[in-house]
């Protein structure tokens, strides 16, 4: 004979609600924190590079090579900011 009554959950196997919420968020967006770290790290690297190439441009040294490198670094920073904001908006 089988009972049609629902079984009570075992308290030892239940997850803490806070831990369950974190696991659920991780399942929706895996490695979100990891990606955010890389966006910040690559953005900071691009910013440092942009400052260095800007200093070269202001000093007037190697303008023909510093200008494209400066533009690349600024583009990298803009891309990382865009990806970071996009990641923040996602659930």
PDB file of N, CA and C in Angstrom:
ATOM      1  N   UNK A   1       0.829  -1.177   0.000  1.00  0.00           N
ATOM      2  CA  UNK A   1       0.000   0.000   0.000  1.00  0.00           C
ATOM      3  C   UNK A   1       0.880   1.250   0.000  1.00  0.00           C
ATOM      4  N   UNK A   2       0.478   2.203  -0.752  1.00  0.00           N
ATOM      5  CA  UNK A   2       1.250   3.443  -0.805  1.00  0.00           C
ATOM      6  C   UNK A   2       0.418   4.587  -0.255  1.00  0.00           C
ATOM      7  N   UNK A   3       1.075   5.431   0.438  1.00  0.00           N
ATOM      8  CA  UNK A   3       0.420   6.634   0.961  1.00  0.00           C
ATOM      9  C   UNK A   3       0.449   7.718  -0.099  1.00  0.00           C
ATOM     10  N   UNK A   4      -0.635   8.419  -0.234  1.00  0.00           N
ATOM     11  CA  UNK A   4      -0.677   9.530  -1.172  1.00  0.00           C
ATOM     12  C   UNK A   4      -0.320  10.843  -0.496  1.00  0.00           C
ATOM     13  N   UNK A   5       0.026  10.762   0.766  1.00  0.00           N
ATOM     14  CA  UNK A   5       0.418  11.969   1.484  1.00  0.00           C
ATOM     15  C   UNK A   5       1.835  12.362   1.080  1.00  0.00           C
ATOM     16  N   UNK A   6       2.063  13.665   0.911  1.00  0.00           N
ATOM     17  CA  UNK A   6       3.431  14.087   0.587  1.00  0.00           C
ATOM     18  C   UNK A   6       4.352  13.850   1.773  1.00  0.00           C
ATOM     19  N   UNK A   7       5.563  13.477   1.467  1.00  0.00           N
ATOM     20  CA  UNK A   7       6.524  13.233   2.535  1.00  0.00           C
ATOM     21  C   UNK A   7       7.082  14.550   3.041  1.00  0.00           C
ATOM     22  N   UNK A   8       7.328  14.571   4.330  1.00  0.00           N
ATOM     23  CA  UNK A   8       7.939  15.759   4.917  1.00  0.00           C
ATOM     24  C   UNK A   8       9.433  15.744   4.567  1.00  0.00           C
ATOM     25  N   UNK A   9       9.973  16.909   4.233  1.00  0.00           N
ATOM     26  CA  UNK A   9      11.401  16.942   3.917  1.00  0.00           C
ATOM     27  C   UNK A   9      12.249  16.662   5.155  1.00  0.00           C
ATOM     28  N   UNK A  10      13.330  16.008   4.938  1.00  0.00           N
ATOM     29  CA  UNK A  10      14.254  15.686   6.012  1.00  0.00           C
ATOM     30  C   UNK A  10      15.056  16.945   6.342  1.00  0.00           C
ATOM     31  N   UNK A  11      15.029  17.425   7.583  1.00  0.00           N
ATOM     32  CA  UNK A  11      15.735  18.666   7.906  1.00  0.00           C
ATOM     33  C   UNK A  11      17.241  18.570   7.682  1.00  0.00           C
ATOM     34  N   UNK A  12      17.809  17.381   7.731  1.00  0.00           N
ATOM     35  CA  UNK A  12      19.245  17.235   7.530  1.00  0.00           C
ATOM     36  C   UNK A  12      19.630  17.434   6.066  1.00  0.00           C
ATOM     37  N   UNK A  13      18.718  17.203   5.139  1.00  0.00           N
ATOM     38  CA  UNK A  13      19.046  17.338   3.725  1.00  0.00           C
ATOM     39  C   UNK A  13      18.604  18.668   3.139  1.00  0.00           C
ATOM     40  N   UNK A  14      17.904  19.480   3.895  1.00  0.00           N
ATOM     41  CA  UNK A  14      17.476  20.781   3.387  1.00  0.00           C
ATOM     42  C   UNK A  14      18.651  21.753   3.390  1.00  0.00           C
ATOM     43  N   UNK A  15      18.678  22.615   2.369  1.00  0.00           N
ATOM     44  CA  UNK A  15      19.720  23.630   2.282  1.00  0.00           C
ATOM     45  C   UNK A  15      19.282  24.889   3.020  1.00  0.00           C
ATOM     46  N   UNK A  16      20.257  25.585   3.508  1.00  0.00           N
ATOM     47  CA  UNK A  16      20.018  26.894   4.098  1.00  0.00           C
ATOM     48  C   UNK A  16      19.466  27.797   2.991  1.00  0.00           C
ATOM     49  N   UNK A  17      18.418  28.595   3.260  1.00  0.00           N
ATOM     50  CA  UNK A  17      17.831  29.435   2.205  1.00  0.00           C
ATOM     51  C   UNK A  17      18.843  30.368   1.540  1.00  0.00           C
ATOM     52  N   UNK A  18      19.792  30.883   2.315  1.00  0.00           N
ATOM     53  CA  UNK A  18      20.807  31.775   1.742  1.00  0.00           C
ATOM     54  C   UNK A  18      21.720  31.006   0.784  1.00  0.00           C
ATOM     55  N   UNK A  19      22.114  29.812   1.180  1.00  0.00           N
ATOM     56  CA  UNK A  19      22.971  28.990   0.323  1.00  0.00           C
ATOM     57  C   UNK A  19      22.209  28.568  -0.935  1.00  0.00           C
ATOM     58  N   UNK A  20      20.949  28.254  -0.782  1.00  0.00           N
ATOM     59  CA  UNK A  20      20.123  27.874  -1.934  1.00  0.00           C
ATOM     60  C   UNK A  20      20.006  29.033  -2.924  1.00  0.00           C
ATOM     61  N   UNK A  21      19.834  30.241  -2.412  1.00  0.00           N
ATOM     62  CA  UNK A  21      19.731  31.425  -3.283  1.00  0.00           C
ATOM     63  C   UNK A  21      21.034  31.652  -4.038  1.00  0.00           C
ATOM     64  N   UNK A  22      22.183  31.467  -3.375  1.00  0.00           N
ATOM     65  CA  UNK A  22      23.473  31.627  -4.052  1.00  0.00           C
ATOM     66  C   UNK A  22      23.665  30.576  -5.132  1.00  0.00           C
ATOM     67  N   UNK A  23      23.298  29.334  -4.826  1.00  0.00           N
ATOM     68  CA  UNK A  23      23.425  28.264  -5.812  1.00  0.00           C
ATOM     69  C   UNK A  23      22.504  28.490  -7.006  1.00  0.00           C
ATOM     70  N   UNK A  24      21.314  28.993  -6.740  1.00  0.00           N
ATOM     71  CA  UNK A  24      20.366  29.281  -7.815  1.00  0.00           C
ATOM     72  C   UNK A  24      20.894  30.415  -8.707  1.00  0.00           C
ATOM     73  N   UNK A  25      21.456  31.449  -8.097  1.00  0.00           N
ATOM     74  CA  UNK A  25      22.029  32.556  -8.867  1.00  0.00           C
ATOM     75  C   UNK A  25      23.223  32.083  -9.686  1.00  0.00           C
ATOM     76  N   UNK A  26      24.040  31.202  -9.130  1.00  0.00           N
ATOM     77  CA  UNK A  26      25.192  30.669  -9.858  1.00  0.00           C
ATOM     78  C   UNK A  26      24.748  29.798 -11.026  1.00  0.00           C
ATOM     79  N   UNK A  27      23.650  29.085 -10.855  1.00  0.00           N
ATOM     80  CA  UNK A  27      23.135  28.254 -11.942  1.00  0.00           C
ATOM     81  C   UNK A  27      22.593  29.111 -13.085  1.00  0.00           C
ATOM     82  N   UNK A  28      22.026  30.271 -12.756  1.00  0.00           N
ATOM     83  CA  UNK A  28      21.506  31.163 -13.799  1.00  0.00           C
ATOM     84  C   UNK A  28      22.631  31.847 -14.559  1.00  0.00           C
ATOM     85  N   UNK A  29      23.685  32.237 -13.871  1.00  0.00           N
ATOM     86  CA  UNK A  29      24.799  32.953 -14.493  1.00  0.00           C
ATOM     87  C   UNK A  29      26.113  32.361 -13.981  1.00  0.00           C
ATOM     88  N   UNK A  30      26.540  31.239 -14.570  1.00  0.00           N
ATOM     89  CA  UNK A  30      27.757  30.599 -14.069  1.00  0.00           C
ATOM     90  C   UNK A  30      28.993  31.476 -14.264  1.00  0.00           C
ATOM     91  N   UNK A  31      29.869  31.468 -13.285  1.00  0.00           N
ATOM     92  CA  UNK A  31      31.153  32.180 -13.306  1.00  0.00           C
ATOM     93  C   UNK A  31      30.999  33.688 -13.436  1.00  0.00           C
ATOM     94  N   UNK A  32      29.915  34.238 -12.958  1.00  0.00           N
ATOM     95  CA  UNK A  32      29.697  35.683 -13.073  1.00  0.00           C
ATOM     96  C   UNK A  32      30.778  36.450 -12.322  1.00  0.00           C
ATOM     97  N   UNK A  33      31.079  36.066 -11.126  1.00  0.00           N
ATOM     98  CA  UNK A  33      32.117  36.740 -10.348  1.00  0.00           C
ATOM     99  C   UNK A  33      33.483  36.633 -10.998  1.00  0.00           C
ATOM    100  N   UNK A  34      33.749  35.497 -11.582  1.00  0.00           N
ATOM    101  CA  UNK A  34      35.022  35.266 -12.280  1.00  0.00           C
ATOM    102  C   UNK A  34      35.139  36.200 -13.480  1.00  0.00           C
ATOM    103  N   UNK A  35      34.057  36.318 -14.255  1.00  0.00           N
ATOM    104  CA  UNK A  35      34.070  37.215 -15.418  1.00  0.00           C
ATOM    105  C   UNK A  35      34.206  38.659 -14.984  1.00  0.00           C
ATOM    106  N   UNK A  36      33.519  39.041 -13.915  1.00  0.00           N
ATOM    107  CA  UNK A  36      33.594  40.414 -13.423  1.00  0.00           C
ATOM    108  C   UNK A  36      35.029  40.763 -13.012  1.00  0.00           C
ATOM    109  N   UNK A  37      35.708  39.816 -12.378  1.00  0.00           N
ATOM    110  CA  UNK A  37      37.101  40.040 -11.987  1.00  0.00           C
ATOM    111  C   UNK A  37      37.961  40.324 -13.216  1.00  0.00           C
ATOM    112  N   UNK A  38      37.772  39.541 -14.284  1.00  0.00           N
ATOM    113  CA  UNK A  38      38.578  39.753 -15.486  1.00  0.00           C
ATOM    114  C   UNK A  38      38.228  41.060 -16.179  1.00  0.00           C
ATOM    115  N   UNK A  39      36.973  41.474 -16.164  1.00  0.00           N
ATOM    116  CA  UNK A  39      36.610  42.761 -16.747  1.00  0.00           C
ATOM    117  C   UNK A  39      37.331  43.890 -16.010  1.00  0.00           C
ATOM    118  N   UNK A  40      37.366  43.808 -14.699  1.00  0.00           N
ATOM    119  CA  UNK A  40      38.036  44.842 -13.909  1.00  0.00           C
ATOM    120  C   UNK A  40      39.546  44.799 -14.147  1.00  0.00           C
ATOM    121  N   UNK A  41      40.129  43.608 -14.149  1.00  0.00           N
ATOM    122  CA  UNK A  41      41.574  43.476 -14.340  1.00  0.00           C
ATOM    123  C   UNK A  41      42.001  43.969 -15.719  1.00  0.00           C
ATOM    124  N   UNK A  42      41.288  43.559 -16.771  1.00  0.00           N
ATOM    125  CA  UNK A  42      41.653  43.993 -18.118  1.00  0.00           C
ATOM    126  C   UNK A  42      41.379  45.478 -18.316  1.00  0.00           C
ATOM    127  N   UNK A  43      40.324  45.993 -17.700  1.00  0.00           N
ATOM    128  CA  UNK A  43      40.039  47.424 -17.767  1.00  0.00           C
ATOM    129  C   UNK A  43      41.126  48.234 -17.088  1.00  0.00           C
ATOM    130  N   UNK A  44      41.595  47.771 -15.934  1.00  0.00           N
ATOM    131  CA  UNK A  44      42.676  48.472 -15.225  1.00  0.00           C
ATOM    132  C   UNK A  44      43.968  48.426 -16.038  1.00  0.00           C
ATOM    133  N   UNK A  45      44.234  47.291 -16.646  1.00  0.00           N
ATOM    134  CA  UNK A  45      45.430  47.167 -17.490  1.00  0.00           C
ATOM    135  C   UNK A  45      45.355  48.117 -18.678  1.00  0.00           C
ATOM    136  N   UNK A  46      44.198  48.193 -19.311  1.00  0.00           N
ATOM    137  CA  UNK A  46      44.017  49.110 -20.432  1.00  0.00           C
ATOM    138  C   UNK A  46      44.142  50.559 -19.999  1.00  0.00           C
ATOM    139  N   UNK A  47      43.641  50.878 -18.817  1.00  0.00           N
ATOM    140  CA  UNK A  47      43.739  52.247 -18.305  1.00  0.00           C
ATOM    141  C   UNK A  47      45.194  52.632 -18.059  1.00  0.00           C
ATOM    142  N   UNK A  48      45.956  51.729 -17.465  1.00  0.00           N
ATOM    143  CA  UNK A  48      47.374  52.000 -17.223  1.00  0.00           C
ATOM    144  C   UNK A  48      48.111  52.192 -18.549  1.00  0.00           C
ATOM    145  N   UNK A  49      47.815  51.326 -19.515  1.00  0.00           N
ATOM    146  CA  UNK A  49      48.424  51.472 -20.840  1.00  0.00           C
ATOM    147  C   UNK A  49      48.040  52.777 -21.507  1.00  0.00           C
ATOM    148  N   UNK A  50      46.779  53.170 -21.367  1.00  0.00           N
ATOM    149  CA  UNK A  50      46.330  54.422 -21.967  1.00  0.00           C
ATOM    150  C   UNK A  50      47.046  55.611 -21.349  1.00  0.00           C
ATOM    151  N   UNK A  51      47.253  55.587 -20.033  1.00  0.00           N
ATOM    152  CA  UNK A  51      47.969  56.678 -19.374  1.00  0.00           C
ATOM    153  C   UNK A  51      49.403  56.751 -19.887  1.00  0.00           C
ATOM    154  N   UNK A  52      50.051  55.620 -20.059  1.00  0.00           N
ATOM    155  CA  UNK A  52      51.433  55.597 -20.545  1.00  0.00           C
ATOM    156  C   UNK A  52      51.518  56.138 -21.972  1.00  0.00           C
ATOM    157  N   UNK A  53      50.612  55.669 -22.842  1.00  0.00           N
ATOM    158  CA  UNK A  53      50.656  56.148 -24.223  1.00  0.00           C
ATOM    159  C   UNK A  53      50.225  57.605 -24.322  1.00  0.00           C
ATOM    160  N   UNK A  54      49.340  58.057 -23.460  1.00  0.00           N
ATOM    161  CA  UNK A  54      48.969  59.468 -23.438  1.00  0.00           C
ATOM    162  C   UNK A  54      50.166  60.321 -23.029  1.00  0.00           C
ATOM    163  N   UNK A  55      50.935  59.859 -22.075  1.00  0.00           N
ATOM    164  CA  UNK A  55      52.138  60.588 -21.662  1.00  0.00           C
ATOM    165  C   UNK A  55      53.138  60.673 -22.821  1.00  0.00           C
ATOM    166  N   UNK A  56      53.251  59.589 -23.591  1.00  0.00           N
ATOM    167  CA  UNK A  56      54.137  59.624 -24.760  1.00  0.00           C
ATOM    168  C   UNK A  56      53.634  60.611 -25.795  1.00  0.00           C
ATOM    169  N   UNK A  57      52.322  60.659 -25.987  1.00  0.00           N
ATOM    170  CA  UNK A  57      51.753  61.600 -26.949  1.00  0.00           C
ATOM    171  C   UNK A  57      51.978  63.043 -26.505  1.00  0.00           C
ATOM    172  N   UNK A  58      51.764  63.318 -25.229  1.00  0.00           N
ATOM    173  CA  UNK A  58      51.952  64.666 -24.706  1.00  0.00           C
ATOM    174  C   UNK A  58      53.425  65.077 -24.806  1.00  0.00           C
ATOM    175  N   UNK A  59      54.330  64.123 -24.586  1.00  0.00           N
ATOM    176  CA  UNK A  59      55.767  64.412 -24.675  1.00  0.00           C
ATOM    177  C   UNK A  59      56.223  64.531 -26.122  1.00  0.00           C
ATOM    178  N   UNK A  60      55.414  64.034 -27.058  1.00  0.00           N
ATOM    179  CA  UNK A  60      55.762  64.117 -28.473  1.00  0.00           C
ATOM    180  C   UNK A  60      56.729  63.035 -28.937  1.00  0.00           C
ATOM    181  N   UNK A  61      56.857  61.971 -28.167  1.00  0.00           N
ATOM    182  CA  UNK A  61      57.763  60.880 -28.550  1.00  0.00           C
ATOM    183  C   UNK A  61      56.992  59.801 -29.286  1.00  0.00           C
ATOM    184  N   UNK A  62      57.514  59.344 -30.388  1.00  0.00           N
ATOM    185  CA  UNK A  62      56.937  58.232 -31.168  1.00  0.00           C
ATOM    186  C   UNK A  62      55.433  58.405 -31.380  1.00  0.00           C
ATOM    187  N   UNK A  63      55.035  59.557 -31.836  1.00  0.00           N
ATOM    188  CA  UNK A  63      53.610  59.858 -32.008  1.00  0.00           C
ATOM    189  C   UNK A  63      52.970  58.887 -32.997  1.00  0.00           C
ATOM    190  N   UNK A  64      53.695  58.512 -34.046  1.00  0.00           N
ATOM    191  CA  UNK A  64      53.118  57.630 -35.067  1.00  0.00           C
ATOM    192  C   UNK A  64      52.809  56.233 -34.520  1.00  0.00           C
ATOM    193  N   UNK A  65      53.534  55.783 -33.528  1.00  0.00           N
ATOM    194  CA  UNK A  65      53.230  54.470 -32.949  1.00  0.00           C
ATOM    195  C   UNK A  65      52.417  54.584 -31.662  1.00  0.00           C
ATOM    196  N   UNK A  66      52.549  55.696 -30.958  1.00  0.00           N
ATOM    197  CA  UNK A  66      51.839  55.854 -29.683  1.00  0.00           C
ATOM    198  C   UNK A  66      50.351  56.110 -29.901  1.00  0.00           C
ATOM    199  N   UNK A  67      49.995  56.814 -30.983  1.00  0.00           N
ATOM    200  CA  UNK A  67      48.590  57.147 -31.211  1.00  0.00           C
ATOM    201  C   UNK A  67      47.723  55.904 -31.444  1.00  0.00           C
ATOM    202  N   UNK A  68      48.120  54.970 -32.337  1.00  0.00           N
ATOM    203  CA  UNK A  68      47.284  53.767 -32.485  1.00  0.00           C
ATOM    204  C   UNK A  68      47.241  52.912 -31.209  1.00  0.00           C
ATOM    205  N   UNK A  69      48.347  52.861 -30.493  1.00  0.00           N
ATOM    206  CA  UNK A  69      48.369  52.095 -29.241  1.00  0.00           C
ATOM    207  C   UNK A  69      47.465  52.738 -28.194  1.00  0.00           C
ATOM    208  N   UNK A  70      47.469  54.068 -28.137  1.00  0.00           N
ATOM    209  CA  UNK A  70      46.586  54.777 -27.217  1.00  0.00           C
ATOM    210  C   UNK A  70      45.123  54.504 -27.565  1.00  0.00           C
ATOM    211  N   UNK A  71      44.810  54.552 -28.862  1.00  0.00           N
ATOM    212  CA  UNK A  71      43.437  54.281 -29.300  1.00  0.00           C
ATOM    213  C   UNK A  71      43.016  52.854 -28.946  1.00  0.00           C
ATOM    214  N   UNK A  72      43.932  51.912 -29.101  1.00  0.00           N
ATOM    215  CA  UNK A  72      43.641  50.518 -28.747  1.00  0.00           C
ATOM    216  C   UNK A  72      43.348  50.385 -27.252  1.00  0.00           C
ATOM    217  N   UNK A  73      44.147  51.047 -26.422  1.00  0.00           N
ATOM    218  CA  UNK A  73      43.944  50.965 -24.972  1.00  0.00           C
ATOM    219  C   UNK A  73      42.621  51.604 -24.559  1.00  0.00           C
ATOM    220  N   UNK A  74      42.293  52.734 -25.168  1.00  0.00           N
ATOM    221  CA  UNK A  74      41.017  53.389 -24.863  1.00  0.00           C
ATOM    222  C   UNK A  74      39.851  52.500 -25.302  1.00  0.00           C
ATOM    223  N   UNK A  75      40.000  51.852 -26.461  1.00  0.00           N
ATOM    224  CA  UNK A  75      38.971  50.919 -26.923  1.00  0.00           C
ATOM    225  C   UNK A  75      38.808  49.743 -25.980  1.00  0.00           C
ATOM    226  N   UNK A  76      39.917  49.237 -25.462  1.00  0.00           N
ATOM    227  CA  UNK A  76      39.868  48.126 -24.512  1.00  0.00           C
ATOM    228  C   UNK A  76      39.144  48.538 -23.232  1.00  0.00           C
ATOM    229  N   UNK A  77      39.451  49.713 -22.730  1.00  0.00           N
ATOM    230  CA  UNK A  77      38.779  50.199 -21.512  1.00  0.00           C
ATOM    231  C   UNK A  77      37.283  50.359 -21.773  1.00  0.00           C
ATOM    232  N   UNK A  78      36.935  50.924 -22.926  1.00  0.00           N
ATOM    233  CA  UNK A  78      35.512  51.104 -23.260  1.00  0.00           C
ATOM    234  C   UNK A  78      34.806  49.754 -23.367  1.00  0.00           C
ATOM    235  N   UNK A  79      35.453  48.775 -23.975  1.00  0.00           N
ATOM    236  CA  UNK A  79      34.865  47.442 -24.099  1.00  0.00           C
ATOM    237  C   UNK A  79      34.657  46.799 -22.734  1.00  0.00           C
ATOM    238  N   UNK A  80      35.628  46.924 -21.846  1.00  0.00           N
ATOM    239  CA  UNK A  80      35.508  46.327 -20.517  1.00  0.00           C
ATOM    240  C   UNK A  80      34.408  47.015 -19.708  1.00  0.00           C
ATOM    241  N   UNK A  81      34.276  48.330 -19.843  1.00  0.00           N
ATOM    242  CA  UNK A  81      33.192  49.039 -19.150  1.00  0.00           C
ATOM    243  C   UNK A  81      31.849  48.571 -19.680  1.00  0.00           C
ATOM    244  N   UNK A  82      31.734  48.428 -20.995  1.00  0.00           N
ATOM    245  CA  UNK A  82      30.482  47.976 -21.602  1.00  0.00           C
ATOM    246  C   UNK A  82      30.132  46.561 -21.149  1.00  0.00           C
ATOM    247  N   UNK A  83      31.121  45.652 -21.163  1.00  0.00           N
ATOM    248  CA  UNK A  83      30.864  44.284 -20.720  1.00  0.00           C
ATOM    249  C   UNK A  83      30.506  44.225 -19.239  1.00  0.00           C
ATOM    250  N   UNK A  84      31.164  45.042 -18.430  1.00  0.00           N
ATOM    251  CA  UNK A  84      30.873  45.078 -16.997  1.00  0.00           C
ATOM    252  C   UNK A  84      29.449  45.542 -16.744  1.00  0.00           C
ATOM    253  N   UNK A  85      29.038  46.605 -17.437  1.00  0.00           N
ATOM    254  CA  UNK A  85      27.664  47.104 -17.271  1.00  0.00           C
ATOM    255  C   UNK A  85      26.648  46.101 -17.791  1.00  0.00           C
ATOM    256  N   UNK A  86      26.954  45.452 -18.880  1.00  0.00           N
ATOM    257  CA  UNK A  86      26.066  44.436 -19.421  1.00  0.00           C
ATOM    258  C   UNK A  86      25.895  43.278 -18.434  1.00  0.00           C
ATOM    259  N   UNK A  87      26.985  42.923 -17.803  1.00  0.00           N
ATOM    260  CA  UNK A  87      26.955  41.839 -16.800  1.00  0.00           C
ATOM    261  C   UNK A  87      26.140  42.265 -15.579  1.00  0.00           C
ATOM    262  N   UNK A  88      26.241  43.525 -15.189  1.00  0.00           N
ATOM    263  CA  UNK A  88      25.493  44.024 -14.047  1.00  0.00           C
ATOM    264  C   UNK A  88      23.986  44.010 -14.299  1.00  0.00           C
ATOM    265  N   UNK A  89      23.582  44.279 -15.535  1.00  0.00           N
ATOM    266  CA  UNK A  89      22.140  44.329 -15.866  1.00  0.00           C
ATOM    267  C   UNK A  89      21.527  42.941 -15.966  1.00  0.00           C
ATOM    268  N   UNK A  90      22.353  41.934 -16.271  1.00  0.00           N
ATOM    269  CA  UNK A  90      21.797  40.590 -16.430  1.00  0.00           C
ATOM    270  C   UNK A  90      21.379  40.043 -15.064  1.00  0.00           C
ATOM    271  N   UNK A  91      20.311  39.251 -15.052  1.00  0.00           N
ATOM    272  CA  UNK A  91      19.802  38.745 -13.755  1.00  0.00           C
ATOM    273  C   UNK A  91      20.721  37.758 -13.111  1.00  0.00           C
TER     274      UNK A  91
END
